[in-house]
């Protein structure tokens, strides 16, 4: 998913006419509507903003390669493709079957990519072996504070000994936002991992945490 406005599709309000917050089913209907209109409603495959953001994220990863990665909220699957170049195995998920159909088509032929439908945090893939890379991009701000805290705890428990957790999120206001980006990243910071990267722009915030606090230069014995 991404919070940048979908191309040629008007955003809905975050509450209904009675002032009630949209439920998971409401949000699912919203995303299914987007993917009914386009296989790539946020322009992940065409916008320089999205291509550059992915490049910044991939360059921030401290290891050249990872054994197992988990990417929830994979959307149209463009970041999934990039992760597949650096990972032996990628598990990507979304709660929208229509988004998953777009992602599966994009990743067709990649034997190291597997897609599943997960509604998080309730359907976290708890039966999986530990992940040494978890990338949570443009997801947390759709959750309320309690669910976001639960998602962060799931990430901590599922992270391997040398695991890396990445969060990358759109910063400006948009109608469907349930949490500010800063609150999302505060929830990840609260699980006690060491932060090694913070990339802060007006458009997006990217942070990386790991169990190993050493820098890339320290890991390679340069410093």
N, C-alpha and C. Protein backbone atom coordinates (compact mmCIF):
# COMPACT_ATOMS: atom_id res chain seq x y z
N UNK A 1 0.83 -1.19 0.00
CA UNK A 1 0.00 0.00 0.00
C UNK A 1 0.88 1.25 0.00
N UNK A 2 0.30 2.34 -0.41
CA UNK A 2 0.96 3.63 -0.28
C UNK A 2 -0.10 4.68 -0.05
N UNK A 3 0.24 5.72 0.70
CA UNK A 3 -0.74 6.74 1.03
C UNK A 3 -0.78 7.87 0.03
N UNK A 4 0.23 7.97 -0.84
CA UNK A 4 0.16 8.99 -1.87
C UNK A 4 -1.12 8.80 -2.66
N UNK A 5 -1.76 9.88 -3.06
CA UNK A 5 -3.08 9.79 -3.63
C UNK A 5 -3.11 8.90 -4.86
N UNK A 6 -4.07 7.96 -4.94
CA UNK A 6 -4.20 7.14 -6.13
C UNK A 6 -4.53 7.99 -7.34
N UNK A 7 -4.05 7.59 -8.47
CA UNK A 7 -4.21 8.39 -9.68
C UNK A 7 -5.66 8.39 -10.13
N UNK A 8 -6.21 9.58 -10.28
CA UNK A 8 -7.56 9.78 -10.84
C UNK A 8 -8.65 9.12 -10.02
N UNK A 9 -8.40 8.89 -8.72
CA UNK A 9 -9.41 8.30 -7.84
C UNK A 9 -9.55 9.18 -6.62
N UNK A 10 -10.75 9.62 -6.32
CA UNK A 10 -10.98 10.52 -5.20
C UNK A 10 -10.94 9.76 -3.89
N UNK A 11 -10.24 10.31 -2.90
CA UNK A 11 -10.15 9.70 -1.58
C UNK A 11 -11.48 9.83 -0.85
N UNK A 12 -11.81 8.81 -0.03
CA UNK A 12 -13.01 8.84 0.78
C UNK A 12 -12.72 9.51 2.12
N UNK A 13 -13.76 9.88 2.84
CA UNK A 13 -13.60 10.44 4.17
C UNK A 13 -13.30 9.31 5.16
N UNK A 14 -12.62 9.60 6.31
CA UNK A 14 -12.24 8.55 7.25
C UNK A 14 -13.39 8.07 8.13
N UNK A 15 -14.50 8.81 8.18
CA UNK A 15 -15.65 8.40 8.98
C UNK A 15 -16.91 8.52 8.15
N UNK A 16 -17.94 7.78 8.56
CA UNK A 16 -19.20 7.87 7.83
C UNK A 16 -20.01 9.07 8.32
N UNK A 17 -21.23 9.21 7.82
CA UNK A 17 -22.02 10.41 8.13
C UNK A 17 -22.43 10.48 9.58
N UNK A 18 -22.35 9.34 10.32
CA UNK A 18 -22.67 9.33 11.73
C UNK A 18 -21.42 9.52 12.60
N UNK A 19 -20.28 9.76 11.96
CA UNK A 19 -19.06 9.99 12.71
C UNK A 19 -18.36 8.73 13.18
N UNK A 20 -18.76 7.56 12.66
CA UNK A 20 -18.12 6.30 13.07
C UNK A 20 -16.92 6.02 12.18
N UNK A 21 -15.82 5.56 12.81
CA UNK A 21 -14.63 5.23 12.04
C UNK A 21 -14.91 4.05 11.12
N UNK A 22 -14.31 4.06 9.96
CA UNK A 22 -14.47 2.95 9.03
C UNK A 22 -13.91 1.67 9.63
N UNK A 23 -14.59 0.57 9.43
CA UNK A 23 -14.16 -0.74 9.90
C UNK A 23 -13.18 -1.35 8.90
N UNK A 24 -12.65 -2.52 9.25
CA UNK A 24 -11.77 -3.23 8.33
C UNK A 24 -12.48 -3.54 7.03
N UNK A 25 -13.75 -3.94 7.11
CA UNK A 25 -14.49 -4.24 5.89
C UNK A 25 -14.70 -3.00 5.04
N UNK A 26 -14.91 -1.84 5.69
CA UNK A 26 -15.03 -0.58 4.95
C UNK A 26 -13.75 -0.29 4.18
N UNK A 27 -12.63 -0.44 4.87
CA UNK A 27 -11.34 -0.15 4.24
C UNK A 27 -11.04 -1.16 3.13
N UNK A 28 -11.42 -2.42 3.36
CA UNK A 28 -11.23 -3.42 2.33
C UNK A 28 -12.01 -3.04 1.07
N UNK A 29 -13.25 -2.58 1.26
CA UNK A 29 -14.04 -2.14 0.12
C UNK A 29 -13.39 -0.97 -0.60
N UNK A 30 -12.79 -0.07 0.17
CA UNK A 30 -12.11 1.07 -0.42
C UNK A 30 -10.96 0.62 -1.31
N UNK A 31 -10.10 -0.29 -0.77
CA UNK A 31 -8.96 -0.74 -1.55
C UNK A 31 -9.37 -1.61 -2.73
N UNK A 32 -10.38 -2.44 -2.53
CA UNK A 32 -10.86 -3.24 -3.66
C UNK A 32 -11.37 -2.34 -4.78
N UNK A 33 -12.02 -1.24 -4.41
CA UNK A 33 -12.49 -0.28 -5.41
C UNK A 33 -11.31 0.30 -6.18
N UNK A 34 -10.24 0.65 -5.48
CA UNK A 34 -9.06 1.19 -6.15
C UNK A 34 -8.50 0.21 -7.16
N UNK A 35 -8.38 -1.06 -6.74
CA UNK A 35 -7.77 -2.05 -7.62
C UNK A 35 -8.74 -2.53 -8.70
N UNK A 36 -10.02 -2.28 -8.53
CA UNK A 36 -10.96 -2.49 -9.63
C UNK A 36 -10.69 -1.51 -10.77
N UNK A 37 -10.29 -0.31 -10.39
CA UNK A 37 -10.05 0.75 -11.37
C UNK A 37 -8.69 0.64 -12.05
N UNK A 38 -7.71 0.10 -11.33
CA UNK A 38 -6.35 0.04 -11.87
C UNK A 38 -5.56 -1.03 -11.14
N UNK A 39 -4.70 -1.75 -11.86
CA UNK A 39 -3.82 -2.73 -11.23
C UNK A 39 -2.72 -2.05 -10.43
N UNK A 40 -2.51 -0.77 -10.65
CA UNK A 40 -1.48 -0.01 -9.94
C UNK A 40 -2.03 1.38 -9.61
N UNK A 41 -3.00 1.45 -8.68
CA UNK A 41 -3.70 2.72 -8.47
C UNK A 41 -2.83 3.83 -7.90
N UNK A 42 -1.72 3.51 -7.27
CA UNK A 42 -0.86 4.53 -6.68
C UNK A 42 0.35 4.87 -7.54
N UNK A 43 0.41 4.33 -8.73
CA UNK A 43 1.51 4.65 -9.63
C UNK A 43 2.85 4.15 -9.16
N UNK A 44 2.89 3.00 -8.46
CA UNK A 44 4.14 2.45 -7.98
C UNK A 44 5.10 2.16 -9.12
N UNK A 45 4.55 1.84 -10.28
CA UNK A 45 5.37 1.43 -11.43
C UNK A 45 5.68 2.58 -12.38
N UNK A 46 5.14 3.75 -12.10
CA UNK A 46 5.31 4.87 -13.04
C UNK A 46 5.83 6.15 -12.40
N UNK A 47 5.63 6.36 -11.11
CA UNK A 47 6.01 7.60 -10.46
C UNK A 47 7.46 7.57 -9.99
N UNK A 48 8.22 8.61 -10.33
CA UNK A 48 9.59 8.73 -9.87
C UNK A 48 9.65 8.78 -8.36
N UNK A 49 8.67 9.43 -7.71
CA UNK A 49 8.64 9.48 -6.24
C UNK A 49 8.70 8.07 -5.67
N UNK A 50 7.88 7.17 -6.20
CA UNK A 50 7.83 5.81 -5.67
C UNK A 50 9.11 5.05 -5.98
N UNK A 51 9.63 5.20 -7.19
CA UNK A 51 10.88 4.51 -7.56
C UNK A 51 12.03 4.97 -6.67
N UNK A 52 12.13 6.28 -6.46
CA UNK A 52 13.19 6.83 -5.63
C UNK A 52 13.06 6.36 -4.18
N UNK A 53 11.84 6.36 -3.66
CA UNK A 53 11.63 5.93 -2.28
C UNK A 53 12.06 4.48 -2.09
N UNK A 54 11.72 3.63 -3.04
CA UNK A 54 12.15 2.24 -2.96
C UNK A 54 13.68 2.13 -3.00
N UNK A 55 14.31 2.94 -3.83
CA UNK A 55 15.77 2.92 -3.93
C UNK A 55 16.41 3.33 -2.60
N UNK A 56 15.84 4.35 -1.95
CA UNK A 56 16.35 4.77 -0.64
C UNK A 56 16.20 3.64 0.37
N UNK A 57 15.06 2.98 0.36
CA UNK A 57 14.82 1.88 1.29
C UNK A 57 15.81 0.75 1.06
N UNK A 58 15.96 0.34 -0.19
CA UNK A 58 16.86 -0.78 -0.49
C UNK A 58 18.31 -0.43 -0.14
N UNK A 59 18.72 0.81 -0.37
CA UNK A 59 20.09 1.22 -0.04
C UNK A 59 20.32 1.29 1.46
N UNK A 60 19.25 1.40 2.25
CA UNK A 60 19.37 1.50 3.71
C UNK A 60 19.59 0.14 4.37
N UNK A 61 19.32 -0.96 3.67
CA UNK A 61 19.45 -2.28 4.26
C UNK A 61 20.92 -2.59 4.54
N UNK A 62 21.27 -2.98 5.77
CA UNK A 62 22.68 -3.12 6.14
C UNK A 62 23.36 -4.37 5.62
N UNK A 63 22.59 -5.39 5.23
CA UNK A 63 23.20 -6.62 4.73
C UNK A 63 23.02 -6.70 3.21
N UNK A 64 23.99 -7.29 2.52
CA UNK A 64 23.83 -7.43 1.07
C UNK A 64 22.76 -8.44 0.69
N UNK A 65 22.49 -9.41 1.58
CA UNK A 65 21.51 -10.44 1.25
C UNK A 65 20.82 -10.93 2.53
N UNK A 66 19.57 -11.40 2.35
CA UNK A 66 18.76 -11.90 3.45
C UNK A 66 18.18 -13.26 3.08
N UNK A 67 18.03 -14.10 4.08
CA UNK A 67 17.47 -15.43 3.84
C UNK A 67 15.95 -15.37 3.71
N UNK A 68 15.28 -14.75 4.68
CA UNK A 68 13.81 -14.75 4.70
C UNK A 68 13.30 -13.35 5.02
N UNK A 69 12.44 -12.84 4.17
CA UNK A 69 11.86 -11.51 4.37
C UNK A 69 10.34 -11.61 4.40
N UNK A 70 9.74 -10.72 5.18
CA UNK A 70 8.27 -10.60 5.22
C UNK A 70 7.91 -9.17 4.89
N UNK A 71 7.02 -9.01 3.91
CA UNK A 71 6.53 -7.70 3.51
C UNK A 71 5.01 -7.67 3.60
N UNK A 72 4.45 -7.23 4.72
CA UNK A 72 3.00 -7.07 4.79
C UNK A 72 2.56 -5.84 4.00
N UNK A 73 1.30 -5.81 3.59
CA UNK A 73 0.73 -4.69 2.83
C UNK A 73 1.53 -4.45 1.55
N UNK A 74 1.72 -5.52 0.78
CA UNK A 74 2.56 -5.43 -0.41
C UNK A 74 1.91 -4.66 -1.55
N UNK A 75 0.60 -4.45 -1.50
CA UNK A 75 -0.06 -3.70 -2.56
C UNK A 75 0.17 -4.31 -3.92
N UNK A 76 0.56 -3.50 -4.90
CA UNK A 76 0.76 -3.98 -6.27
C UNK A 76 2.06 -4.73 -6.47
N UNK A 77 2.89 -4.85 -5.44
CA UNK A 77 4.04 -5.74 -5.48
C UNK A 77 5.33 -5.18 -6.04
N UNK A 78 5.42 -3.87 -6.20
CA UNK A 78 6.63 -3.33 -6.80
C UNK A 78 7.84 -3.42 -5.85
N UNK A 79 7.64 -3.13 -4.57
CA UNK A 79 8.71 -3.30 -3.61
C UNK A 79 9.04 -4.79 -3.45
N UNK A 80 8.06 -5.64 -3.55
CA UNK A 80 8.28 -7.09 -3.48
C UNK A 80 9.31 -7.53 -4.51
N UNK A 81 9.21 -6.99 -5.72
CA UNK A 81 10.15 -7.34 -6.79
C UNK A 81 11.57 -6.94 -6.39
N UNK A 82 11.72 -5.74 -5.83
CA UNK A 82 13.05 -5.30 -5.40
C UNK A 82 13.59 -6.18 -4.28
N UNK A 83 12.74 -6.51 -3.31
CA UNK A 83 13.19 -7.36 -2.20
C UNK A 83 13.62 -8.73 -2.69
N UNK A 84 12.97 -9.23 -3.72
CA UNK A 84 13.30 -10.55 -4.25
C UNK A 84 14.71 -10.61 -4.81
N UNK A 85 15.27 -9.45 -5.19
CA UNK A 85 16.64 -9.43 -5.71
C UNK A 85 17.68 -9.56 -4.61
N UNK A 86 17.27 -9.33 -3.36
CA UNK A 86 18.20 -9.35 -2.23
C UNK A 86 17.89 -10.46 -1.22
N UNK A 87 16.84 -11.24 -1.46
CA UNK A 87 16.39 -12.22 -0.48
C UNK A 87 16.24 -13.60 -1.11
N UNK A 88 16.61 -14.62 -0.36
CA UNK A 88 16.40 -15.99 -0.83
C UNK A 88 14.92 -16.32 -0.90
N UNK A 89 14.15 -15.79 0.06
CA UNK A 89 12.71 -16.07 0.11
C UNK A 89 11.98 -14.82 0.60
N UNK A 90 10.90 -14.46 -0.08
CA UNK A 90 10.07 -13.32 0.32
C UNK A 90 8.64 -13.81 0.51
N UNK A 91 8.09 -13.58 1.69
CA UNK A 91 6.66 -13.76 1.93
C UNK A 91 6.03 -12.38 1.90
N UNK A 92 5.12 -12.16 0.97
CA UNK A 92 4.43 -10.88 0.85
C UNK A 92 2.94 -11.11 1.09
N UNK A 93 2.31 -10.14 1.76
CA UNK A 93 0.88 -10.30 2.06
C UNK A 93 0.14 -8.98 1.86
N UNK A 94 -1.16 -9.11 1.74
CA UNK A 94 -2.06 -7.96 1.73
C UNK A 94 -3.42 -8.45 2.20
N UNK A 95 -4.27 -7.53 2.62
CA UNK A 95 -5.61 -7.98 3.02
C UNK A 95 -6.61 -7.87 1.88
N UNK A 96 -6.20 -7.30 0.76
CA UNK A 96 -7.07 -7.17 -0.41
C UNK A 96 -6.71 -8.23 -1.44
N UNK A 97 -7.66 -9.10 -1.76
CA UNK A 97 -7.43 -10.11 -2.78
C UNK A 97 -7.11 -9.47 -4.14
N UNK A 98 -7.68 -8.32 -4.40
CA UNK A 98 -7.45 -7.67 -5.69
C UNK A 98 -6.06 -7.07 -5.76
N UNK A 99 -5.58 -6.53 -4.65
CA UNK A 99 -4.19 -6.08 -4.61
C UNK A 99 -3.24 -7.27 -4.80
N UNK A 100 -3.55 -8.39 -4.14
CA UNK A 100 -2.72 -9.58 -4.28
C UNK A 100 -2.71 -10.09 -5.71
N UNK A 101 -3.84 -10.01 -6.40
CA UNK A 101 -3.87 -10.44 -7.80
C UNK A 101 -2.94 -9.59 -8.64
N UNK A 102 -2.90 -8.30 -8.39
CA UNK A 102 -1.99 -7.41 -9.11
C UNK A 102 -0.55 -7.75 -8.79
N UNK A 103 -0.26 -7.99 -7.51
CA UNK A 103 1.12 -8.31 -7.11
C UNK A 103 1.57 -9.64 -7.68
N UNK A 104 0.68 -10.63 -7.67
CA UNK A 104 1.05 -11.94 -8.22
C UNK A 104 1.36 -11.84 -9.71
N UNK A 105 0.59 -11.05 -10.42
CA UNK A 105 0.86 -10.88 -11.85
C UNK A 105 2.21 -10.20 -12.06
N UNK A 106 2.51 -9.23 -11.22
CA UNK A 106 3.79 -8.50 -11.35
C UNK A 106 4.97 -9.42 -11.05
N UNK A 107 4.81 -10.34 -10.10
CA UNK A 107 5.91 -11.20 -9.67
C UNK A 107 5.89 -12.57 -10.35
N UNK A 108 5.11 -12.71 -11.37
CA UNK A 108 5.00 -14.01 -12.04
C UNK A 108 6.38 -14.50 -12.50
N UNK A 109 6.65 -15.75 -12.19
CA UNK A 109 7.93 -16.33 -12.58
C UNK A 109 9.01 -16.25 -11.54
N UNK A 110 8.78 -15.51 -10.46
CA UNK A 110 9.78 -15.41 -9.38
C UNK A 110 9.54 -16.54 -8.37
N UNK A 111 10.40 -17.51 -8.39
CA UNK A 111 10.20 -18.69 -7.56
C UNK A 111 10.44 -18.43 -6.09
N UNK A 112 11.14 -17.35 -5.77
CA UNK A 112 11.45 -17.06 -4.36
C UNK A 112 10.44 -16.13 -3.70
N UNK A 113 9.32 -15.87 -4.35
CA UNK A 113 8.28 -14.99 -3.79
C UNK A 113 7.00 -15.79 -3.57
N UNK A 114 6.43 -15.63 -2.38
CA UNK A 114 5.18 -16.30 -2.03
C UNK A 114 4.21 -15.25 -1.50
N UNK A 115 2.95 -15.34 -1.92
CA UNK A 115 1.93 -14.38 -1.50
C UNK A 115 0.87 -15.07 -0.65
N UNK A 116 0.42 -14.37 0.39
CA UNK A 116 -0.68 -14.84 1.22
C UNK A 116 -1.56 -13.67 1.60
N UNK A 117 -2.81 -13.97 1.95
CA UNK A 117 -3.73 -12.93 2.42
C UNK A 117 -3.70 -12.89 3.95
N UNK A 118 -3.32 -11.75 4.51
CA UNK A 118 -3.28 -11.56 5.95
C UNK A 118 -3.98 -10.26 6.32
N UNK A 119 -4.81 -10.31 7.33
CA UNK A 119 -5.37 -9.11 7.96
C UNK A 119 -4.60 -8.91 9.26
N UNK A 120 -3.81 -7.87 9.32
CA UNK A 120 -2.92 -7.67 10.46
C UNK A 120 -3.47 -6.65 11.44
N UNK A 121 -3.13 -6.83 12.73
CA UNK A 121 -2.18 -7.80 13.28
C UNK A 121 -2.76 -9.17 13.60
N UNK A 122 -4.07 -9.35 13.48
CA UNK A 122 -4.71 -10.59 13.93
C UNK A 122 -4.20 -11.83 13.21
N UNK A 123 -3.86 -11.70 11.93
CA UNK A 123 -3.45 -12.86 11.14
C UNK A 123 -1.95 -12.85 10.84
N UNK A 124 -1.17 -12.38 11.80
CA UNK A 124 0.27 -12.43 11.63
C UNK A 124 0.71 -13.88 11.37
N UNK A 125 1.64 -14.13 10.44
CA UNK A 125 2.05 -15.51 10.12
C UNK A 125 2.90 -16.13 11.21
N UNK A 126 2.28 -16.49 12.32
CA UNK A 126 3.01 -16.92 13.52
C UNK A 126 3.65 -18.28 13.36
N UNK A 127 3.20 -19.10 12.42
CA UNK A 127 3.78 -20.43 12.24
C UNK A 127 5.05 -20.43 11.42
N UNK A 128 5.50 -19.28 10.97
CA UNK A 128 6.69 -19.18 10.13
C UNK A 128 7.97 -19.19 10.98
N UNK A 129 9.09 -19.68 10.41
CA UNK A 129 10.38 -19.49 11.07
C UNK A 129 10.69 -18.00 11.16
N UNK A 130 11.66 -17.62 12.00
CA UNK A 130 11.98 -16.18 12.14
C UNK A 130 12.39 -15.55 10.81
N UNK A 131 12.06 -14.27 10.68
CA UNK A 131 12.45 -13.50 9.50
C UNK A 131 13.69 -12.68 9.83
N UNK A 132 14.65 -12.62 8.90
CA UNK A 132 15.79 -11.74 9.15
C UNK A 132 15.60 -10.38 8.48
N UNK A 133 14.48 -10.19 7.80
CA UNK A 133 14.11 -8.87 7.30
C UNK A 133 12.59 -8.75 7.31
N UNK A 134 12.09 -7.69 7.95
CA UNK A 134 10.66 -7.37 7.93
C UNK A 134 10.54 -5.92 7.46
N UNK A 135 9.78 -5.71 6.39
CA UNK A 135 9.60 -4.38 5.83
C UNK A 135 8.12 -4.01 5.94
N UNK A 136 7.82 -3.01 6.76
CA UNK A 136 6.44 -2.56 6.97
C UNK A 136 6.32 -1.18 6.36
N UNK A 137 5.83 -1.12 5.14
CA UNK A 137 5.78 0.14 4.40
C UNK A 137 4.35 0.55 4.13
N UNK A 138 3.99 1.75 4.57
CA UNK A 138 2.68 2.34 4.29
C UNK A 138 1.52 1.50 4.82
N UNK A 139 1.68 0.97 6.01
CA UNK A 139 0.64 0.14 6.63
C UNK A 139 0.18 0.67 7.97
N UNK A 140 1.12 1.02 8.86
CA UNK A 140 0.79 1.28 10.26
C UNK A 140 -0.22 2.38 10.47
N UNK A 141 -0.22 3.40 9.62
CA UNK A 141 -1.13 4.52 9.85
C UNK A 141 -2.59 4.21 9.51
N UNK A 142 -2.86 3.03 8.97
CA UNK A 142 -4.24 2.60 8.78
C UNK A 142 -4.80 1.92 10.04
N UNK A 143 -3.94 1.66 11.04
CA UNK A 143 -4.33 0.97 12.26
C UNK A 143 -4.54 1.95 13.40
N UNK A 144 -5.37 1.57 14.38
CA UNK A 144 -5.47 2.40 15.57
C UNK A 144 -4.26 2.11 16.46
N UNK A 145 -4.13 2.87 17.54
CA UNK A 145 -2.94 2.77 18.39
C UNK A 145 -2.75 1.37 18.98
N UNK A 146 -3.84 0.74 19.40
CA UNK A 146 -3.74 -0.60 20.00
C UNK A 146 -3.28 -1.62 18.97
N UNK A 147 -3.87 -1.57 17.79
CA UNK A 147 -3.48 -2.52 16.75
C UNK A 147 -2.05 -2.27 16.29
N UNK A 148 -1.65 -1.00 16.24
CA UNK A 148 -0.28 -0.68 15.83
C UNK A 148 0.72 -1.23 16.84
N UNK A 149 0.43 -1.09 18.12
CA UNK A 149 1.31 -1.64 19.14
C UNK A 149 1.39 -3.16 19.03
N UNK A 150 0.28 -3.79 18.73
CA UNK A 150 0.27 -5.24 18.55
C UNK A 150 1.10 -5.65 17.34
N UNK A 151 0.99 -4.89 16.25
CA UNK A 151 1.78 -5.18 15.06
C UNK A 151 3.28 -5.06 15.36
N UNK A 152 3.67 -4.02 16.08
CA UNK A 152 5.07 -3.85 16.43
C UNK A 152 5.58 -5.02 17.27
N UNK A 153 4.77 -5.48 18.21
CA UNK A 153 5.15 -6.63 19.04
C UNK A 153 5.30 -7.89 18.20
N UNK A 154 4.41 -8.07 17.22
CA UNK A 154 4.52 -9.22 16.32
C UNK A 154 5.85 -9.18 15.57
N UNK A 155 6.22 -8.01 15.10
CA UNK A 155 7.49 -7.87 14.38
C UNK A 155 8.67 -8.24 15.27
N UNK A 156 8.66 -7.76 16.51
CA UNK A 156 9.77 -8.04 17.43
C UNK A 156 9.90 -9.54 17.69
N UNK A 157 8.76 -10.20 17.91
CA UNK A 157 8.80 -11.63 18.22
C UNK A 157 9.24 -12.46 17.01
N UNK A 158 8.94 -11.99 15.81
CA UNK A 158 9.23 -12.77 14.60
C UNK A 158 10.60 -12.50 14.02
N UNK A 159 11.34 -11.56 14.60
CA UNK A 159 12.61 -11.14 14.03
C UNK A 159 13.73 -12.08 14.48
N UNK A 160 14.56 -12.49 13.53
CA UNK A 160 15.69 -13.37 13.82
C UNK A 160 16.74 -12.65 14.66
N UNK A 161 17.71 -13.41 15.14
CA UNK A 161 18.73 -12.86 16.03
C UNK A 161 19.46 -11.68 15.39
N UNK A 162 19.75 -11.78 14.11
CA UNK A 162 20.42 -10.68 13.39
C UNK A 162 19.42 -9.95 12.50
N UNK A 163 18.16 -9.96 12.90
CA UNK A 163 17.10 -9.44 12.05
C UNK A 163 17.05 -7.93 11.95
N UNK A 164 16.44 -7.47 10.86
CA UNK A 164 16.30 -6.05 10.56
C UNK A 164 14.83 -5.73 10.34
N UNK A 165 14.37 -4.65 10.97
CA UNK A 165 13.00 -4.18 10.81
C UNK A 165 13.03 -2.81 10.16
N UNK A 166 12.27 -2.63 9.08
CA UNK A 166 12.22 -1.36 8.36
C UNK A 166 10.79 -0.85 8.36
N UNK A 167 10.62 0.45 8.63
CA UNK A 167 9.33 1.11 8.48
C UNK A 167 9.51 2.31 7.57
N UNK A 168 8.62 2.45 6.59
CA UNK A 168 8.69 3.56 5.65
C UNK A 168 7.27 4.06 5.41
N UNK A 169 7.02 5.34 5.69
CA UNK A 169 5.65 5.83 5.69
C UNK A 169 5.52 7.26 5.16
N UNK A 170 4.46 7.48 4.42
CA UNK A 170 4.05 8.78 3.91
C UNK A 170 3.73 9.70 5.08
N UNK A 171 4.18 10.97 5.01
CA UNK A 171 4.01 11.87 6.15
C UNK A 171 2.81 12.81 6.07
N UNK A 172 2.45 13.38 4.92
CA UNK A 172 1.34 14.33 4.90
C UNK A 172 0.00 13.69 5.28
N UNK A 173 -0.92 14.56 5.69
CA UNK A 173 -2.28 14.10 6.04
C UNK A 173 -2.98 13.54 4.81
N UNK A 174 -3.80 12.50 5.04
CA UNK A 174 -4.75 12.04 4.02
C UNK A 174 -5.95 11.46 4.76
N UNK A 175 -7.06 11.37 4.07
CA UNK A 175 -8.35 11.15 4.74
C UNK A 175 -8.43 9.81 5.46
N UNK A 176 -7.81 8.77 4.92
CA UNK A 176 -7.95 7.43 5.51
C UNK A 176 -6.98 7.18 6.67
N UNK A 177 -6.15 8.13 6.99
CA UNK A 177 -5.14 7.95 8.03
C UNK A 177 -5.81 7.81 9.41
N UNK A 178 -5.41 6.77 10.18
CA UNK A 178 -5.87 6.60 11.55
C UNK A 178 -4.84 7.08 12.56
N UNK A 179 -3.56 7.04 12.21
CA UNK A 179 -2.47 7.47 13.09
C UNK A 179 -1.51 8.36 12.30
N UNK A 180 -0.89 9.33 12.97
CA UNK A 180 0.20 10.07 12.31
C UNK A 180 1.41 9.16 12.13
N UNK A 181 2.20 9.43 11.13
CA UNK A 181 3.37 8.61 10.86
C UNK A 181 4.31 8.55 12.07
N UNK A 182 4.45 9.67 12.79
CA UNK A 182 5.33 9.69 13.94
C UNK A 182 4.87 8.69 15.01
N UNK A 183 3.56 8.54 15.18
CA UNK A 183 3.04 7.58 16.16
C UNK A 183 3.33 6.15 15.73
N UNK A 184 3.26 5.89 14.44
CA UNK A 184 3.59 4.56 13.92
C UNK A 184 5.04 4.22 14.25
N UNK A 185 5.94 5.14 13.96
CA UNK A 185 7.36 4.88 14.19
C UNK A 185 7.69 4.86 15.67
N UNK A 186 6.98 5.62 16.48
CA UNK A 186 7.17 5.55 17.93
C UNK A 186 6.81 4.16 18.45
N UNK A 187 5.78 3.55 17.88
CA UNK A 187 5.38 2.21 18.31
C UNK A 187 6.46 1.19 17.99
N UNK A 188 7.08 1.32 16.82
CA UNK A 188 8.19 0.43 16.49
C UNK A 188 9.39 0.69 17.41
N UNK A 189 9.69 1.96 17.68
CA UNK A 189 10.82 2.30 18.53
C UNK A 189 10.64 1.74 19.94
N UNK A 190 9.40 1.63 20.38
CA UNK A 190 9.11 1.21 21.76
C UNK A 190 9.39 -0.27 22.01
N UNK A 191 9.61 -1.07 20.98
CA UNK A 191 9.83 -2.50 21.20
C UNK A 191 11.27 -2.80 21.60
N UNK A 192 12.13 -1.77 21.59
CA UNK A 192 13.45 -1.91 22.20
C UNK A 192 14.59 -2.30 21.28
N UNK A 193 14.38 -2.30 19.97
CA UNK A 193 15.47 -2.58 19.05
C UNK A 193 16.34 -1.34 18.87
N UNK A 194 17.56 -1.53 18.38
CA UNK A 194 18.48 -0.42 18.16
C UNK A 194 18.20 0.21 16.80
N UNK A 195 18.03 1.53 16.77
CA UNK A 195 17.81 2.21 15.50
C UNK A 195 19.14 2.54 14.85
N UNK A 196 19.29 2.15 13.59
CA UNK A 196 20.55 2.40 12.88
C UNK A 196 20.39 3.33 11.69
N UNK A 197 19.16 3.56 11.24
CA UNK A 197 18.92 4.45 10.11
C UNK A 197 17.69 5.30 10.40
N UNK A 198 17.78 6.60 10.12
CA UNK A 198 16.61 7.48 10.10
C UNK A 198 16.78 8.40 8.90
N UNK A 199 15.89 8.25 7.93
CA UNK A 199 15.88 9.09 6.74
C UNK A 199 14.59 9.90 6.79
N UNK A 200 14.72 11.21 6.94
CA UNK A 200 13.59 12.08 7.25
C UNK A 200 13.40 13.10 6.14
N UNK A 201 12.29 13.02 5.42
CA UNK A 201 11.94 14.00 4.40
C UNK A 201 10.54 14.52 4.68
N UNK A 202 10.16 15.60 4.03
CA UNK A 202 8.82 16.13 4.22
C UNK A 202 7.77 15.16 3.70
N UNK A 203 8.11 14.35 2.70
CA UNK A 203 7.15 13.42 2.11
C UNK A 203 7.06 12.09 2.85
N UNK A 204 8.21 11.57 3.29
CA UNK A 204 8.17 10.26 3.95
C UNK A 204 9.25 10.15 5.02
N UNK A 205 9.01 9.22 5.95
CA UNK A 205 9.96 8.91 7.01
C UNK A 205 10.33 7.45 6.90
N UNK A 206 11.63 7.17 6.86
CA UNK A 206 12.12 5.80 6.81
C UNK A 206 13.04 5.57 8.00
N UNK A 207 12.79 4.51 8.76
CA UNK A 207 13.65 4.15 9.88
C UNK A 207 13.92 2.65 9.85
N UNK A 208 15.09 2.29 10.38
CA UNK A 208 15.50 0.89 10.42
C UNK A 208 16.02 0.57 11.81
N UNK A 209 15.54 -0.56 12.34
CA UNK A 209 15.97 -1.04 13.64
C UNK A 209 16.49 -2.47 13.51
N UNK A 210 17.38 -2.86 14.40
CA UNK A 210 17.88 -4.24 14.38
C UNK A 210 18.31 -4.65 15.78
N UNK A 211 18.56 -5.93 15.96
CA UNK A 211 19.05 -6.43 17.23
C UNK A 211 20.55 -6.15 17.38
N UNK A 212 21.22 -5.96 16.26
CA UNK A 212 22.66 -5.67 16.25
C UNK A 212 22.85 -4.18 16.03
N UNK A 213 23.34 -3.42 17.03
CA UNK A 213 23.43 -1.97 16.90
C UNK A 213 24.60 -1.49 16.06
N UNK A 214 25.47 -2.38 15.57
CA UNK A 214 26.65 -1.95 14.84
C UNK A 214 26.29 -1.37 13.48
N UNK A 215 27.08 -0.40 13.04
CA UNK A 215 26.91 0.17 11.70
C UNK A 215 27.45 -0.81 10.66
N UNK A 216 27.21 -0.50 9.39
CA UNK A 216 27.74 -1.35 8.32
C UNK A 216 29.26 -1.36 8.36
N UNK A 217 29.89 -0.20 8.58
CA UNK A 217 31.34 -0.15 8.67
C UNK A 217 31.86 -0.96 9.84
N UNK A 218 31.15 -0.90 10.97
CA UNK A 218 31.56 -1.69 12.14
C UNK A 218 31.42 -3.17 11.88
N UNK A 219 30.35 -3.55 11.18
CA UNK A 219 30.15 -4.98 10.87
C UNK A 219 31.27 -5.52 9.99
N UNK A 220 31.81 -4.65 9.12
CA UNK A 220 32.86 -5.09 8.21
C UNK A 220 34.26 -4.84 8.76
N UNK A 221 34.38 -4.35 10.00
CA UNK A 221 35.66 -4.15 10.61
C UNK A 221 36.42 -2.94 10.12
N UNK A 222 35.72 -2.00 9.49
CA UNK A 222 36.37 -0.78 8.99
C UNK A 222 36.60 0.19 10.12
N UNK A 223 35.64 0.27 11.05
CA UNK A 223 35.78 1.15 12.21
C UNK A 223 35.68 0.32 13.49
